[in-house]
Amino acid sequence: MLAAAGFAIGMALSWTLQNFAGWVMILLLKPFRIGHYVEAGGHAGTVREIGIFNTTLTTTDEKKVFIPNSDISNSATINYSASSTRRVDMVIWISYDDDIDVAKKLLQTIADKDERIIKDKAVTIWVIELWDNSVNLAFRFFVKNPDYWPVWFDTLETVKKTFDKKGVNFPFPQRDVHLYNEK
């Protein structure tokens, strides 16, 4: 019974020591600070507290997530706030019947008109995939970090409205069925 109790205490201390060591690693390596938006330990949110045993995040829908520091120190962490700028990566689908060059010019015009898009970093517009029902264009540009989501949503709406006005089509998944009369 004494051995079982010793084993249980040892396991509890092991978890505690792992999280304490994770806290020390976070303080030494500084992968993020309070207020940064991160993905860590399988969760994404704004760092609210870095405690001795766990780190507290607040998600975009206002949930509090407590992540053991050992989980953070033993897995990849993405810090979206580490840089002052961020690249917006969009995929815009057009129909095979539409002119690729027209669609690319329209996307470039949209990027040129939005003052929040950083002008000294290149806007890239490439054909990246030829799918069953669409030609897929990569539309990439940089914005200041706080502008990321507003620009993302505004750009999607602007693309839709602009393409509608200019007759560029967004394809729907579809299948052509050919029936043959066999006699």
Protein backbone atom coordinates (compact mmCIF):
# COMPACT_ATOMS: atom_id res chain seq x y z
CA MET A 1 0.00 0.00 0.00
CA LEU A 2 2.91 2.32 0.81
CA ALA A 3 4.44 1.59 -2.61
CA ALA A 4 1.14 2.41 -4.35
CA ALA A 5 0.85 5.68 -2.43
CA GLY A 6 4.45 6.52 -3.28
CA PHE A 7 3.79 5.77 -6.95
CA ALA A 8 0.67 8.00 -6.95
CA ILE A 9 2.54 10.86 -5.30
CA GLY A 10 5.42 10.41 -7.74
CA MET A 11 3.05 10.59 -10.72
CA ALA A 12 1.37 13.74 -9.34
CA LEU A 13 4.75 15.35 -8.77
CA SER A 14 5.85 14.32 -12.25
CA TRP A 15 2.88 16.20 -13.80
CA THR A 16 3.55 19.20 -11.55
CA LEU A 17 7.27 19.23 -12.39
CA GLN A 18 6.56 18.90 -16.13
CA ASN A 19 4.25 21.90 -16.05
CA PHE A 20 6.68 23.89 -13.90
CA ALA A 21 9.48 23.08 -16.35
CA GLY A 22 7.19 24.13 -19.21
CA TRP A 23 6.56 27.46 -17.44
CA VAL A 24 10.32 28.01 -17.09
CA MET A 25 10.79 27.26 -20.80
CA ILE A 26 8.02 29.72 -21.74
CA LEU A 27 9.63 32.43 -19.58
CA LEU A 28 13.11 31.78 -20.98
CA LEU A 29 12.27 31.32 -24.67
CA LYS A 30 9.40 33.86 -24.77
CA PRO A 31 7.47 32.30 -27.67
CA PHE A 32 4.58 34.64 -26.79
CA ARG A 33 3.50 37.35 -24.37
CA ILE A 34 0.26 38.28 -22.68
CA GLY A 35 -2.02 39.80 -25.31
CA HIS A 36 -0.62 37.78 -28.22
CA TYR A 37 -2.94 35.66 -30.34
CA VAL A 38 -1.53 32.13 -30.53
CA GLU A 39 -2.28 28.52 -31.39
CA ALA A 40 -0.84 26.30 -28.68
CA GLY A 41 -1.64 22.92 -27.23
CA GLY A 42 -4.37 22.38 -29.81
CA HIS A 43 -6.22 25.63 -29.03
CA ALA A 44 -6.23 29.16 -30.42
CA GLY A 45 -6.82 32.38 -28.51
CA THR A 46 -5.40 35.48 -26.88
CA VAL A 47 -2.93 34.84 -24.06
CA ARG A 48 -4.40 36.21 -20.82
CA GLU A 49 -2.12 34.68 -18.19
CA ILE A 50 1.06 32.64 -18.05
CA GLY A 51 0.87 30.76 -14.78
CA ILE A 52 3.26 28.38 -13.07
CA PHE A 53 1.32 25.29 -14.14
CA ASN A 54 -0.85 26.44 -17.05
CA THR A 55 -1.38 29.23 -19.57
CA THR A 56 -4.81 30.81 -19.98
CA LEU A 57 -6.16 31.74 -23.41
CA THR A 58 -9.40 33.48 -24.31
CA THR A 59 -10.88 32.23 -27.58
CA THR A 60 -12.58 34.49 -30.12
CA ASP A 61 -15.96 33.38 -28.77
CA GLU A 62 -14.90 34.35 -25.21
CA LYS A 63 -14.21 30.87 -23.84
CA LYS A 64 -11.37 30.50 -21.34
CA VAL A 65 -8.94 27.70 -22.11
CA PHE A 66 -6.41 26.50 -19.56
CA ILE A 67 -3.53 24.70 -21.24
CA PRO A 68 -0.94 22.84 -19.18
CA ASN A 69 2.47 24.42 -19.75
CA SER A 70 3.96 21.01 -20.51
CA ASP A 71 1.57 20.71 -23.49
CA ILE A 72 2.74 24.07 -24.80
CA SER A 73 6.44 23.41 -24.33
CA ASN A 74 6.17 19.96 -25.97
CA SER A 75 4.26 20.98 -29.10
CA ALA A 76 4.34 23.53 -31.88
CA THR A 77 3.15 27.04 -31.05
CA ILE A 78 2.03 29.51 -33.71
CA ASN A 79 2.25 33.16 -32.66
CA TYR A 80 0.11 35.28 -34.97
CA SER A 81 1.06 38.48 -33.11
CA ALA A 82 4.84 38.11 -33.37
CA SER A 83 5.04 40.14 -36.58
CA SER A 84 3.48 43.50 -37.30
CA THR A 85 2.23 42.25 -40.67
CA ARG A 86 0.45 39.14 -41.84
CA ARG A 87 -0.18 37.61 -45.25
CA VAL A 88 -3.77 37.06 -46.33
CA ASP A 89 -4.07 33.86 -48.40
CA MET A 90 -7.29 33.48 -50.36
CA VAL A 91 -8.34 31.01 -53.01
CA ILE A 92 -10.76 32.41 -55.56
CA TRP A 93 -12.56 29.95 -57.82
CA ILE A 94 -13.58 30.93 -61.33
CA SER A 95 -15.32 29.02 -64.08
CA TYR A 96 -13.38 27.37 -66.89
CA ASP A 97 -15.41 29.56 -69.25
CA ASP A 98 -14.05 32.77 -67.71
CA ASP A 99 -10.95 34.64 -68.81
CA ILE A 100 -8.13 34.10 -66.30
CA ASP A 101 -6.45 37.40 -67.24
CA VAL A 102 -9.66 39.37 -66.62
CA ALA A 103 -10.10 37.75 -63.20
CA LYS A 104 -6.46 38.46 -62.30
CA LYS A 105 -6.81 42.13 -63.33
CA LEU A 106 -9.98 42.48 -61.25
CA LEU A 107 -8.23 41.00 -58.20
CA GLN A 108 -5.25 43.33 -58.69
CA THR A 109 -7.61 46.32 -58.90
CA ILE A 110 -9.32 45.25 -55.68
CA ALA A 111 -5.92 45.05 -53.94
CA ASP A 112 -4.81 48.41 -55.36
CA LYS A 113 -7.94 50.20 -54.11
CA ASP A 114 -7.82 48.92 -50.51
CA GLU A 115 -5.56 51.26 -48.53
CA ARG A 116 -5.15 48.67 -45.76
CA ILE A 117 -3.25 46.36 -48.10
CA ILE A 118 0.48 47.06 -47.80
CA LYS A 119 1.68 48.44 -51.13
CA ASP A 120 5.43 47.86 -50.74
CA LYS A 121 4.92 44.08 -50.52
CA ALA A 122 3.94 42.28 -53.68
CA VAL A 123 0.40 41.13 -54.33
CA THR A 124 0.53 37.67 -55.90
CA ILE A 125 -2.20 36.23 -58.08
CA TRP A 126 -1.50 32.83 -59.60
CA VAL A 127 -3.39 29.90 -61.01
CA ILE A 128 -2.74 27.27 -58.37
CA GLU A 129 -5.13 24.45 -59.26
CA LEU A 130 -7.30 23.15 -62.04
CA TRP A 131 -10.16 21.37 -60.30
CA ASP A 132 -13.05 19.41 -61.71
CA ASN A 133 -15.34 22.45 -61.70
CA SER A 134 -13.07 25.46 -61.33
CA VAL A 135 -9.84 27.24 -62.04
CA ASN A 136 -8.45 28.23 -58.63
CA LEU A 137 -6.53 31.47 -58.22
CA ALA A 138 -4.27 32.18 -55.25
CA PHE A 139 -4.77 35.78 -54.11
CA ARG A 140 -2.12 36.78 -51.57
CA PHE A 141 -1.23 40.12 -50.02
CA PHE A 142 0.02 41.59 -46.75
CA VAL A 143 -1.80 43.71 -44.18
CA LYS A 144 -1.04 45.06 -40.74
CA ASN A 145 -1.79 42.41 -38.15
CA PRO A 146 -4.86 44.15 -36.60
CA ASP A 147 -6.37 44.57 -40.10
CA TYR A 148 -6.21 40.86 -40.98
CA TRP A 149 -9.82 39.80 -40.35
CA PRO A 150 -11.53 43.04 -41.42
CA VAL A 151 -9.60 42.99 -44.72
CA TRP A 152 -10.30 39.27 -45.18
CA PHE A 153 -14.07 39.68 -44.87
CA ASP A 154 -14.25 42.96 -46.80
CA THR A 155 -12.15 41.53 -49.63
CA LEU A 156 -14.36 38.44 -49.98
CA GLU A 157 -17.43 40.64 -50.27
CA THR A 158 -15.71 42.98 -52.73
CA VAL A 159 -14.54 40.05 -54.89
CA LYS A 160 -18.09 38.68 -55.07
CA LYS A 161 -19.65 42.04 -55.95
CA THR A 162 -16.93 42.94 -58.47
CA PHE A 163 -17.02 39.54 -60.21
CA ASP A 164 -20.83 39.69 -60.37
CA LYS A 165 -20.70 43.14 -62.03
CA LYS A 166 -18.04 42.05 -64.54
CA GLY A 167 -19.63 38.70 -65.35
CA VAL A 168 -16.94 36.48 -63.84
CA ASN A 169 -18.61 33.34 -62.55
CA PHE A 170 -18.13 31.31 -59.40
CA PRO A 171 -18.70 27.68 -60.37
CA PHE A 172 -20.81 25.25 -58.40
CA PRO A 173 -19.82 21.62 -58.02
CA GLN A 174 -21.58 19.76 -60.80
CA ARG A 175 -21.50 16.56 -62.82
CA ASP A 176 -22.33 16.03 -66.47
CA VAL A 177 -24.25 12.83 -67.03
CA HIS A 178 -24.35 11.36 -70.52
CA LEU A 179 -27.03 8.80 -71.24
CA TYR A 180 -26.56 6.38 -74.09
CA ASN A 181 -29.34 4.37 -75.56
CA GLU A 182 -27.96 0.89 -75.96
CA LYS A 183 -30.00 -1.48 -78.10
